[in-house]
Amino acid sequence: MSFQVYLDNIEKQTGKRPDEFVALAKAKGLTASETKASVIVAWLKEDFNLGRGHAMALVHVFKNGAAISEKHVDSDGVHRDESVTLRLGGLDQRKP
């Protein structure tokens, strides 16, 4: 599953876009570099019923923004992504 698909599935499950999660995390003080992933994962599990893999995708976004490694871009593996920039604005923001 690609990184973007993780984020898309989170939105489908929770009704919240990735950028909305960023705003929620900032409001809770969870975007500081010293915040442990386990604290964020626990919050996302408790409040949104997200599993560890999906929560860790959001942890990456909280800590790194929309940038991801080009390692899987245009690869032919199951984790391939289209771009090194994740789309955080939600599914309805995309062109058909």
Protein backbone atom coordinates (compact mmCIF):
# COMPACT_ATOMS: atom_id res chain seq x y z
CA MET A 1 0.00 0.00 0.00
CA SER A 2 1.42 3.39 -0.91
CA PHE A 3 1.90 6.17 1.61
CA GLN A 4 -0.83 8.20 -0.09
CA VAL A 5 -3.25 5.27 0.08
CA TYR A 6 -2.67 5.07 3.84
CA LEU A 7 -3.68 8.74 4.14
CA ASP A 8 -6.66 8.28 1.83
CA ASN A 9 -7.87 5.31 3.86
CA ILE A 10 -7.54 7.31 7.08
CA GLU A 11 -9.78 9.98 5.57
CA LYS A 12 -12.33 7.38 4.45
CA GLN A 13 -12.35 5.79 7.91
CA THR A 14 -12.50 8.97 10.00
CA GLY A 15 -13.95 11.62 7.68
CA LYS A 16 -10.94 13.84 8.43
CA ARG A 17 -8.39 14.99 5.88
CA PRO A 18 -4.68 14.70 6.67
CA ASP A 19 -4.38 18.48 6.97
CA GLU A 20 -7.19 18.43 9.56
CA PHE A 21 -5.23 15.89 11.58
CA VAL A 22 -2.19 18.18 11.40
CA ALA A 23 -4.27 21.05 12.83
CA LEU A 24 -5.65 18.82 15.60
CA ALA A 25 -2.17 17.58 16.49
CA LYS A 26 -0.83 21.16 16.59
CA ALA A 27 -3.67 22.20 18.88
CA LYS A 28 -2.77 19.33 21.22
CA GLY A 29 0.94 20.18 21.09
CA LEU A 30 1.82 16.91 19.40
CA THR A 31 3.82 18.21 16.44
CA ALA A 32 6.98 19.16 18.34
CA SER A 33 10.04 17.22 17.22
CA GLU A 34 10.56 15.80 20.70
CA THR A 35 7.04 14.32 20.88
CA LYS A 36 7.32 10.55 20.97
CA ALA A 37 5.49 8.61 18.27
CA SER A 38 3.96 6.37 20.93
CA VAL A 39 2.10 9.35 22.43
CA ILE A 40 0.68 10.29 19.03
CA VAL A 41 -0.21 6.68 18.19
CA ALA A 42 -2.05 6.32 21.51
CA TRP A 43 -4.05 9.51 20.86
CA LEU A 44 -5.00 8.43 17.33
CA LYS A 45 -6.04 4.99 18.54
CA GLU A 46 -8.10 6.33 21.45
CA ASP A 47 -9.82 9.20 19.64
CA PHE A 48 -10.05 7.84 16.08
CA ASN A 49 -9.60 4.06 16.37
CA LEU A 50 -6.60 4.09 14.02
CA GLY A 51 -4.23 1.16 13.96
CA ARG A 52 -0.48 1.53 14.33
CA GLY A 53 0.35 1.58 10.61
CA HIS A 54 -2.13 4.32 9.80
CA ALA A 55 -1.15 6.27 12.90
CA MET A 56 2.53 6.06 11.96
CA ALA A 57 1.72 7.48 8.53
CA LEU A 58 0.24 10.51 10.30
CA VAL A 59 3.22 10.69 12.66
CA HIS A 60 5.42 11.04 9.60
CA VAL A 61 3.24 13.85 8.26
CA PHE A 62 3.25 15.64 11.63
CA LYS A 63 7.03 15.52 11.78
CA ASN A 64 7.94 15.94 8.07
CA GLY A 65 5.02 17.62 6.36
CA ALA A 66 4.00 16.43 2.91
CA ALA A 67 7.49 15.35 1.82
CA ILE A 68 8.35 11.66 1.47
CA SER A 69 11.38 9.81 0.18
CA GLU A 70 11.64 9.18 -3.53
CA LYS A 71 12.54 5.56 -2.77
CA HIS A 72 9.16 4.22 -3.91
CA VAL A 73 8.18 6.86 -6.46
CA ASP A 74 7.46 5.24 -9.79
CA SER A 75 8.69 1.89 -8.51
CA ASP A 76 6.81 -1.26 -9.36
CA GLY A 77 6.47 -2.46 -5.77
CA VAL A 78 3.33 -2.46 -3.68
CA HIS A 79 4.48 0.65 -1.80
CA ARG A 80 4.86 2.83 -4.88
CA ASP A 81 3.78 6.46 -4.78
CA GLU A 82 3.23 8.88 -7.66
CA SER A 83 5.19 11.76 -6.15
CA VAL A 84 7.52 12.80 -3.33
CA THR A 85 4.79 15.18 -2.18
CA LEU A 86 1.77 13.78 -0.38
CA ARG A 87 -1.66 15.30 -0.97
CA LEU A 88 -2.88 16.42 2.44
CA GLY A 89 -5.95 18.41 1.33
CA GLY A 90 -8.27 15.45 1.08
CA LEU A 91 -9.90 13.32 -1.53
CA ASP A 92 -12.41 15.97 -2.65
CA GLN A 93 -9.57 18.37 -3.54
CA ARG A 94 -8.27 16.19 -6.35
CA LYS A 95 -8.95 16.59 -10.00
CA PRO A 96 -11.12 13.84 -11.47
